[in-house]
Amino acid sequence: MNYETKQLLEELKTYRDDMVARNYPFQRISDIIVKWENKKDFLEEAKKENKELNKSYQESIRQANERK
């Protein structure tokens, strides 16, 4: 391997290492965003289910009162 090729490879390795180092924070930020998006989706779904359960509970109370 000649000197120029070795130099080129060293430059490419340095560039790659720099890209990897810079990518980590962006990946970490992406992970945090996804985590909170999932949490938000979970909370919205839980609220929706809670409303449905509440409606169902109110309906069961109404039916029980009608039977009395």
N, C-alpha and C. Protein backbone atom coordinates (compact mmCIF):
# COMPACT_ATOMS: atom_id res chain seq x y z
N MET A 1 0.86 -1.17 0.00
CA MET A 1 0.00 0.00 0.00
C MET A 1 0.90 1.23 0.00
N ASN A 2 0.66 2.13 -0.92
CA ASN A 2 1.53 3.30 -0.99
C ASN A 2 1.13 4.37 0.03
N TYR A 3 1.97 5.35 0.15
CA TYR A 3 1.80 6.40 1.16
C TYR A 3 0.49 7.17 0.97
N GLU A 4 0.16 7.52 -0.26
CA GLU A 4 -1.05 8.28 -0.54
C GLU A 4 -2.30 7.50 -0.15
N THR A 5 -2.30 6.21 -0.44
CA THR A 5 -3.44 5.37 -0.08
C THR A 5 -3.60 5.29 1.43
N LYS A 6 -2.48 5.13 2.15
CA LYS A 6 -2.53 5.10 3.61
C LYS A 6 -3.07 6.42 4.16
N GLN A 7 -2.63 7.53 3.58
CA GLN A 7 -3.11 8.84 4.01
C GLN A 7 -4.62 8.98 3.78
N LEU A 8 -5.05 8.54 2.61
CA LEU A 8 -6.47 8.59 2.27
C LEU A 8 -7.29 7.76 3.26
N LEU A 9 -6.80 6.54 3.53
CA LEU A 9 -7.50 5.68 4.48
C LEU A 9 -7.56 6.31 5.87
N GLU A 10 -6.48 6.91 6.29
CA GLU A 10 -6.46 7.57 7.60
C GLU A 10 -7.46 8.72 7.65
N GLU A 11 -7.51 9.50 6.56
CA GLU A 11 -8.48 10.59 6.49
C GLU A 11 -9.91 10.07 6.54
N LEU A 12 -10.15 8.99 5.79
CA LEU A 12 -11.49 8.39 5.77
C LEU A 12 -11.87 7.84 7.15
N LYS A 13 -10.92 7.20 7.82
CA LYS A 13 -11.19 6.69 9.17
C LYS A 13 -11.50 7.82 10.14
N THR A 14 -10.74 8.90 10.05
CA THR A 14 -10.98 10.05 10.90
C THR A 14 -12.36 10.64 10.62
N TYR A 15 -12.68 10.77 9.35
CA TYR A 15 -13.99 11.30 8.95
C TYR A 15 -15.11 10.39 9.46
N ARG A 16 -14.95 9.08 9.30
CA ARG A 16 -15.94 8.12 9.78
C ARG A 16 -16.12 8.23 11.29
N ASP A 17 -15.00 8.29 12.02
CA ASP A 17 -15.08 8.39 13.48
C ASP A 17 -15.80 9.67 13.91
N ASP A 18 -15.54 10.74 13.18
CA ASP A 18 -16.20 12.01 13.48
C ASP A 18 -17.70 11.89 13.21
N MET A 19 -18.06 11.23 12.12
CA MET A 19 -19.49 11.05 11.81
C MET A 19 -20.17 10.20 12.87
N VAL A 20 -19.51 9.15 13.29
CA VAL A 20 -20.08 8.27 14.30
C VAL A 20 -20.25 9.04 15.61
N ALA A 21 -19.24 9.80 15.97
CA ALA A 21 -19.30 10.58 17.21
C ALA A 21 -20.43 11.61 17.14
N ARG A 22 -20.62 12.21 16.00
CA ARG A 22 -21.68 13.21 15.87
C ARG A 22 -23.05 12.56 15.77
N ASN A 23 -23.12 11.36 15.26
CA ASN A 23 -24.40 10.69 15.11
C ASN A 23 -24.96 10.25 16.45
N TYR A 24 -24.13 9.93 17.40
CA TYR A 24 -24.62 9.43 18.69
C TYR A 24 -25.61 10.38 19.34
N PRO A 25 -25.28 11.67 19.47
CA PRO A 25 -26.27 12.55 20.11
C PRO A 25 -27.58 12.63 19.34
N PHE A 26 -27.50 12.62 18.01
CA PHE A 26 -28.73 12.69 17.23
C PHE A 26 -29.55 11.42 17.44
N GLN A 27 -28.88 10.29 17.51
CA GLN A 27 -29.60 9.04 17.76
C GLN A 27 -30.22 9.08 19.14
N ARG A 28 -29.51 9.58 20.10
CA ARG A 28 -30.02 9.68 21.47
C ARG A 28 -31.24 10.58 21.50
N ILE A 29 -31.16 11.71 20.79
CA ILE A 29 -32.31 12.61 20.72
C ILE A 29 -33.49 11.90 20.06
N SER A 30 -33.22 11.17 18.99
CA SER A 30 -34.29 10.41 18.33
C SER A 30 -34.92 9.41 19.27
N ASP A 31 -34.10 8.72 20.05
CA ASP A 31 -34.62 7.75 21.01
C ASP A 31 -35.52 8.42 22.04
N ILE A 32 -35.10 9.59 22.51
CA ILE A 32 -35.91 10.32 23.49
C ILE A 32 -37.24 10.75 22.87
N ILE A 33 -37.19 11.26 21.64
CA ILE A 33 -38.41 11.68 20.96
C ILE A 33 -39.37 10.51 20.80
N VAL A 34 -38.85 9.38 20.33
CA VAL A 34 -39.70 8.20 20.14
C VAL A 34 -40.30 7.75 21.47
N LYS A 35 -39.48 7.76 22.52
CA LYS A 35 -39.97 7.36 23.84
C LYS A 35 -41.15 8.23 24.26
N TRP A 36 -41.01 9.53 24.10
CA TRP A 36 -42.07 10.43 24.53
C TRP A 36 -43.27 10.41 23.59
N GLU A 37 -43.03 10.16 22.31
CA GLU A 37 -44.17 10.00 21.40
C GLU A 37 -44.98 8.77 21.79
N ASN A 38 -44.28 7.69 22.12
CA ASN A 38 -44.98 6.48 22.54
C ASN A 38 -45.72 6.71 23.85
N LYS A 39 -45.09 7.44 24.76
CA LYS A 39 -45.73 7.72 26.04
C LYS A 39 -46.98 8.57 25.81
N LYS A 40 -46.88 9.56 24.92
CA LYS A 40 -48.02 10.42 24.60
C LYS A 40 -49.14 9.58 24.00
N ASP A 41 -48.79 8.71 23.04
CA ASP A 41 -49.79 7.83 22.43
C ASP A 41 -50.43 6.94 23.49
N PHE A 42 -49.63 6.42 24.39
CA PHE A 42 -50.15 5.56 25.45
C PHE A 42 -51.13 6.32 26.33
N LEU A 43 -50.76 7.55 26.72
CA LEU A 43 -51.64 8.35 27.57
C LEU A 43 -52.95 8.70 26.87
N GLU A 44 -52.87 9.04 25.59
CA GLU A 44 -54.08 9.34 24.83
C GLU A 44 -54.99 8.12 24.75
N GLU A 45 -54.40 6.97 24.50
CA GLU A 45 -55.17 5.73 24.43
C GLU A 45 -55.79 5.39 25.78
N ALA A 46 -55.03 5.59 26.85
CA ALA A 46 -55.54 5.32 28.19
C ALA A 46 -56.71 6.24 28.53
N LYS A 47 -56.61 7.50 28.15
CA LYS A 47 -57.72 8.44 28.38
C LYS A 47 -58.96 8.01 27.62
N LYS A 48 -58.75 7.59 26.36
CA LYS A 48 -59.88 7.15 25.55
C LYS A 48 -60.55 5.92 26.18
N GLU A 49 -59.75 4.96 26.61
CA GLU A 49 -60.30 3.77 27.24
C GLU A 49 -61.00 4.12 28.55
N ASN A 50 -60.45 5.07 29.29
CA ASN A 50 -61.06 5.49 30.55
C ASN A 50 -62.45 6.08 30.30
N LYS A 51 -62.58 6.89 29.24
CA LYS A 51 -63.89 7.45 28.88
C LYS A 51 -64.88 6.35 28.55
N GLU A 52 -64.43 5.37 27.76
CA GLU A 52 -65.30 4.26 27.39
C GLU A 52 -65.72 3.45 28.61
N LEU A 53 -64.77 3.20 29.51
CA LEU A 53 -65.12 2.47 30.73
C LEU A 53 -66.09 3.24 31.60
N ASN A 54 -65.90 4.55 31.66
CA ASN A 54 -66.79 5.39 32.45
C ASN A 54 -68.21 5.36 31.87
N LYS A 55 -68.32 5.45 30.54
CA LYS A 55 -69.63 5.36 29.89
C LYS A 55 -70.28 4.02 30.20
N SER A 56 -69.49 2.96 30.09
CA SER A 56 -70.01 1.62 30.35
C SER A 56 -70.47 1.50 31.81
N TYR A 57 -69.69 2.04 32.71
CA TYR A 57 -70.04 2.01 34.14
C TYR A 57 -71.33 2.78 34.39
N GLN A 58 -71.46 3.96 33.79
CA GLN A 58 -72.67 4.76 33.95
C GLN A 58 -73.89 4.02 33.40
N GLU A 59 -73.70 3.36 32.27
CA GLU A 59 -74.79 2.58 31.69
C GLU A 59 -75.19 1.42 32.60
N SER A 60 -74.23 0.75 33.20
CA SER A 60 -74.56 -0.35 34.10
C SER A 60 -75.29 0.15 35.35
N ILE A 61 -74.90 1.32 35.84
CA ILE A 61 -75.62 1.91 36.97
C ILE A 61 -77.05 2.25 36.57
N ARG A 62 -77.23 2.85 35.41
CA ARG A 62 -78.57 3.19 34.92
C ARG A 62 -79.44 1.94 34.81
N GLN A 63 -78.90 0.87 34.23
CA GLN A 63 -79.67 -0.36 34.08
C GLN A 63 -80.00 -0.97 35.44
N ALA A 64 -79.06 -0.92 36.35
CA ALA A 64 -79.32 -1.46 37.70
C ALA A 64 -80.43 -0.66 38.38
N ASN A 65 -80.43 0.63 38.23
CA ASN A 65 -81.48 1.47 38.83
C ASN A 65 -82.84 1.20 38.20
N GLU A 66 -82.86 0.92 36.90
CA GLU A 66 -84.12 0.60 36.23
C GLU A 66 -84.72 -0.70 36.77
N ARG A 67 -83.88 -1.64 37.12
CA ARG A 67 -84.36 -2.93 37.62
C ARG A 67 -84.94 -2.83 39.03
N LYS A 68 -84.61 -1.78 39.74
CA LYS A 68 -85.09 -1.67 41.13
C LYS A 68 -86.53 -1.33 41.22
